[in-house]
Amino acid sequence: VIAPQLFATVVLSFRTSRNEALALQELGAVTINRLGASPRHRVTG
């Protein structure tokens, strides 16, 4: 029996492999959004 979480991870890995460029773009966008929302990243006069 394969654990559902492991199965989901494998499926996600295959999707990432098939759509690597799109996945990297999404990851980059999320990273930028998180950095932009981070209090440490903001410059408060």
PDB file of N, CA and C in Angstrom:
ATOM      1  N   VAL A   1       0.854  -1.207   0.000  1.00  0.00           N
ATOM      2  CA  VAL A   1       0.000   0.000   0.000  1.00  0.00           C
ATOM      3  C   VAL A   1       0.882   1.248   0.000  1.00  0.00           C
ATOM      4  N   ILE A   2       0.643   2.122  -0.951  1.00  0.00           N
ATOM      5  CA  ILE A   2       1.415   3.363  -1.043  1.00  0.00           C
ATOM      6  C   ILE A   2       0.697   4.466  -0.268  1.00  0.00           C
ATOM      7  N   ALA A   3       1.423   5.142   0.585  1.00  0.00           N
ATOM      8  CA  ALA A   3       0.831   6.228   1.365  1.00  0.00           C
ATOM      9  C   ALA A   3       0.317   7.318   0.427  1.00  0.00           C
ATOM     10  N   PRO A   4      -0.897   7.812   0.680  1.00  0.00           N
ATOM     11  CA  PRO A   4      -1.479   8.863  -0.185  1.00  0.00           C
ATOM     12  C   PRO A   4      -0.559  10.069  -0.342  1.00  0.00           C
ATOM     13  N   GLN A   5       0.118  10.455   0.736  1.00  0.00           N
ATOM     14  CA  GLN A   5       1.005  11.624   0.666  1.00  0.00           C
ATOM     15  C   GLN A   5       2.158  11.359  -0.288  1.00  0.00           C
ATOM     16  N   LEU A   6       2.724  10.142  -0.199  1.00  0.00           N
ATOM     17  CA  LEU A   6       3.834   9.780  -1.075  1.00  0.00           C
ATOM     18  C   LEU A   6       3.361   9.744  -2.520  1.00  0.00           C
ATOM     19  N   PHE A   7       2.181   9.182  -2.740  1.00  0.00           N
ATOM     20  CA  PHE A   7       1.628   9.104  -4.088  1.00  0.00           C
ATOM     21  C   PHE A   7       1.429  10.504  -4.662  1.00  0.00           C
ATOM     22  N   ALA A   8       0.890  11.403  -3.841  1.00  0.00           N
ATOM     23  CA  ALA A   8       0.664  12.782  -4.283  1.00  0.00           C
ATOM     24  C   ALA A   8       1.991  13.451  -4.632  1.00  0.00           C
ATOM     25  N   THR A   9       3.019  13.151  -3.844  1.00  0.00           N
ATOM     26  CA  THR A   9       4.343  13.730  -4.101  1.00  0.00           C
ATOM     27  C   THR A   9       4.897  13.240  -5.429  1.00  0.00           C
ATOM     28  N   VAL A  10       4.706  11.945  -5.700  1.00  0.00           N
ATOM     29  CA  VAL A  10       5.190  11.377  -6.963  1.00  0.00           C
ATOM     30  C   VAL A  10       4.445  11.994  -8.136  1.00  0.00           C
ATOM     31  N   VAL A  11       3.123  12.114  -8.006  1.00  0.00           N
ATOM     32  CA  VAL A  11       2.317  12.712  -9.077  1.00  0.00           C
ATOM     33  C   VAL A  11       2.760  14.149  -9.312  1.00  0.00           C
ATOM     34  N   LEU A  12       2.982  14.880  -8.227  1.00  0.00           N
ATOM     35  CA  LEU A  12       3.413  16.273  -8.341  1.00  0.00           C
ATOM     36  C   LEU A  12       4.773  16.348  -9.022  1.00  0.00           C
ATOM     37  N   SER A  13       5.637  15.383  -8.711  1.00  0.00           N
ATOM     38  CA  SER A  13       6.963  15.346  -9.327  1.00  0.00           C
ATOM     39  C   SER A  13       6.857  15.134 -10.832  1.00  0.00           C
ATOM     40  N   PHE A  14       5.957  14.235 -11.239  1.00  0.00           N
ATOM     41  CA  PHE A  14       5.773  13.991 -12.669  1.00  0.00           C
ATOM     42  C   PHE A  14       5.238  15.242 -13.351  1.00  0.00           C
ATOM     43  N   ARG A  15       4.287  15.904 -12.712  1.00  0.00           N
ATOM     44  CA  ARG A  15       3.724  17.122 -13.294  1.00  0.00           C
ATOM     45  C   ARG A  15       4.789  18.196 -13.419  1.00  0.00           C
ATOM     46  N   THR A  16       5.645  18.285 -12.402  1.00  0.00           N
ATOM     47  CA  THR A  16       6.717  19.279 -12.423  1.00  0.00           C
ATOM     48  C   THR A  16       7.690  18.973 -13.557  1.00  0.00           C
ATOM     49  N   SER A  17       7.951  17.683 -13.767  1.00  0.00           N
ATOM     50  CA  SER A  17       8.878  17.288 -14.829  1.00  0.00           C
ATOM     51  C   SER A  17       8.298  17.623 -16.195  1.00  0.00           C
ATOM     52  N   ARG A  18       6.991  17.394 -16.358  1.00  0.00           N
ATOM     53  CA  ARG A  18       6.348  17.641 -17.651  1.00  0.00           C
ATOM     54  C   ARG A  18       6.212  19.127 -17.917  1.00  0.00           C
ATOM     55  N   ASN A  19       5.955  19.887 -16.872  1.00  0.00           N
ATOM     56  CA  ASN A  19       5.748  21.331 -17.039  1.00  0.00           C
ATOM     57  C   ASN A  19       6.775  22.094 -16.208  1.00  0.00           C
ATOM     58  N   GLU A  20       8.040  21.742 -16.402  1.00  0.00           N
ATOM     59  CA  GLU A  20       9.106  22.313 -15.568  1.00  0.00           C
ATOM     60  C   GLU A  20       9.159  23.833 -15.675  1.00  0.00           C
ATOM     61  N   ALA A  21       9.081  24.349 -16.879  1.00  0.00           N
ATOM     62  CA  ALA A  21       9.161  25.794 -17.067  1.00  0.00           C
ATOM     63  C   ALA A  21       8.031  26.496 -16.318  1.00  0.00           C
ATOM     64  N   LEU A  22       6.803  25.989 -16.495  1.00  0.00           N
ATOM     65  CA  LEU A  22       5.653  26.597 -15.832  1.00  0.00           C
ATOM     66  C   LEU A  22       5.784  26.476 -14.321  1.00  0.00           C
ATOM     67  N   ALA A  23       6.237  25.313 -13.861  1.00  0.00           N
ATOM     68  CA  ALA A  23       6.395  25.094 -12.420  1.00  0.00           C
ATOM     69  C   ALA A  23       7.420  26.064 -11.839  1.00  0.00           C
ATOM     70  N   LEU A  24       8.523  26.264 -12.565  1.00  0.00           N
ATOM     71  CA  LEU A  24       9.558  27.187 -12.089  1.00  0.00           C
ATOM     72  C   LEU A  24       9.020  28.612 -12.053  1.00  0.00           C
ATOM     73  N   GLN A  25       8.204  28.974 -13.040  1.00  0.00           N
ATOM     74  CA  GLN A  25       7.621  30.313 -13.064  1.00  0.00           C
ATOM     75  C   GLN A  25       6.699  30.509 -11.871  1.00  0.00           C
ATOM     76  N   GLU A  26       5.877  29.481 -11.570  1.00  0.00           N
ATOM     77  CA  GLU A  26       4.957  29.575 -10.438  1.00  0.00           C
ATOM     78  C   GLU A  26       5.736  29.668  -9.131  1.00  0.00           C
ATOM     79  N   LEU A  27       6.787  28.837  -9.009  1.00  0.00           N
ATOM     80  CA  LEU A  27       7.610  28.846  -7.803  1.00  0.00           C
ATOM     81  C   LEU A  27       8.268  30.206  -7.627  1.00  0.00           C
ATOM     82  N   GLY A  28       8.762  30.757  -8.723  1.00  0.00           N
ATOM     83  CA  GLY A  28       9.397  32.067  -8.665  1.00  0.00           C
ATOM     84  C   GLY A  28       8.417  33.143  -8.236  1.00  0.00           C
ATOM     85  N   ALA A  29       7.195  33.087  -8.776  1.00  0.00           N
ATOM     86  CA  ALA A  29       6.181  34.081  -8.430  1.00  0.00           C
ATOM     87  C   ALA A  29       5.820  33.991  -6.950  1.00  0.00           C
ATOM     88  N   VAL A  30       5.661  32.757  -6.464  1.00  0.00           N
ATOM     89  CA  VAL A  30       5.319  32.565  -5.048  1.00  0.00           C
ATOM     90  C   VAL A  30       6.444  33.066  -4.157  1.00  0.00           C
ATOM     91  N   THR A  31       7.683  32.767  -4.553  1.00  0.00           N
ATOM     92  CA  THR A  31       8.841  33.205  -3.766  1.00  0.00           C
ATOM     93  C   THR A  31       8.907  34.723  -3.712  1.00  0.00           C
ATOM     94  N   ILE A  32       8.702  35.370  -4.853  1.00  0.00           N
ATOM     95  CA  ILE A  32       8.739  36.835  -4.914  1.00  0.00           C
ATOM     96  C   ILE A  32       7.626  37.424  -4.055  1.00  0.00           C
ATOM     97  N   ASN A  33       6.433  36.818  -4.125  1.00  0.00           N
ATOM     98  CA  ASN A  33       5.305  37.309  -3.331  1.00  0.00           C
ATOM     99  C   ASN A  33       5.599  37.191  -1.842  1.00  0.00           C
ATOM    100  N   ARG A  34       6.196  36.068  -1.445  1.00  0.00           N
ATOM    101  CA  ARG A  34       6.508  35.862  -0.028  1.00  0.00           C
ATOM    102  C   ARG A  34       7.588  36.833   0.434  1.00  0.00           C
ATOM    103  N   LEU A  35       8.592  37.060  -0.427  1.00  0.00           N
ATOM    104  CA  LEU A  35       9.651  38.007  -0.071  1.00  0.00           C
ATOM    105  C   LEU A  35       9.077  39.413   0.039  1.00  0.00           C
ATOM    106  N   GLY A  36       8.173  39.746  -0.886  1.00  0.00           N
ATOM    107  CA  GLY A  36       7.569  41.069  -0.875  1.00  0.00           C
ATOM    108  C   GLY A  36       6.681  41.279   0.341  1.00  0.00           C
ATOM    109  N   ALA A  37       6.086  40.182   0.840  1.00  0.00           N
ATOM    110  CA  ALA A  37       5.192  40.286   1.988  1.00  0.00           C
ATOM    111  C   ALA A  37       5.947  40.171   3.303  1.00  0.00           C
ATOM    112  N   SER A  38       7.241  39.846   3.218  1.00  0.00           N
ATOM    113  CA  SER A  38       8.042  39.674   4.428  1.00  0.00           C
ATOM    114  C   SER A  38       8.401  41.027   5.035  1.00  0.00           C
ATOM    115  N   PRO A  39       8.109  41.204   6.317  1.00  0.00           N
ATOM    116  CA  PRO A  39       8.421  42.477   6.994  1.00  0.00           C
ATOM    117  C   PRO A  39       9.906  42.812   6.920  1.00  0.00           C
ATOM    118  N   ARG A  40      10.754  41.776   6.971  1.00  0.00           N
ATOM    119  CA  ARG A  40      12.200  41.999   6.922  1.00  0.00           C
ATOM    120  C   ARG A  40      12.623  42.541   5.565  1.00  0.00           C
ATOM    121  N   HIS A  41      11.849  42.207   4.529  1.00  0.00           N
ATOM    122  CA  HIS A  41      12.230  42.601   3.178  1.00  0.00           C
ATOM    123  C   HIS A  41      11.821  44.052   2.899  1.00  0.00           C
ATOM    124  N   ARG A  42      10.835  44.541   3.615  1.00  0.00           N
ATOM    125  CA  ARG A  42      10.350  45.900   3.379  1.00  0.00           C
ATOM    126  C   ARG A  42      11.260  46.929   4.054  1.00  0.00           C
ATOM    127  N   VAL A  43      11.382  48.063   3.394  1.00  0.00           N
ATOM    128  CA  VAL A  43      12.190  49.135   3.973  1.00  0.00           C
ATOM    129  C   VAL A  43      11.239  50.168   4.558  1.00  0.00           C
ATOM    130  N   THR A  44      11.209  50.259   5.884  1.00  0.00           N
ATOM    131  CA  THR A  44      10.309  51.215   6.532  1.00  0.00           C
ATOM    132  C   THR A  44      11.135  52.361   7.090  1.00  0.00           C
ATOM    133  N   GLY A  45      11.103  53.515   6.353  1.00  0.00           N
ATOM    134  CA  GLY A  45      11.856  54.708   6.700  1.00  0.00           C
ATOM    135  C   GLY A  45      12.279  54.721   8.133  1.00  0.00           C
TER     136      GLY A  45
END
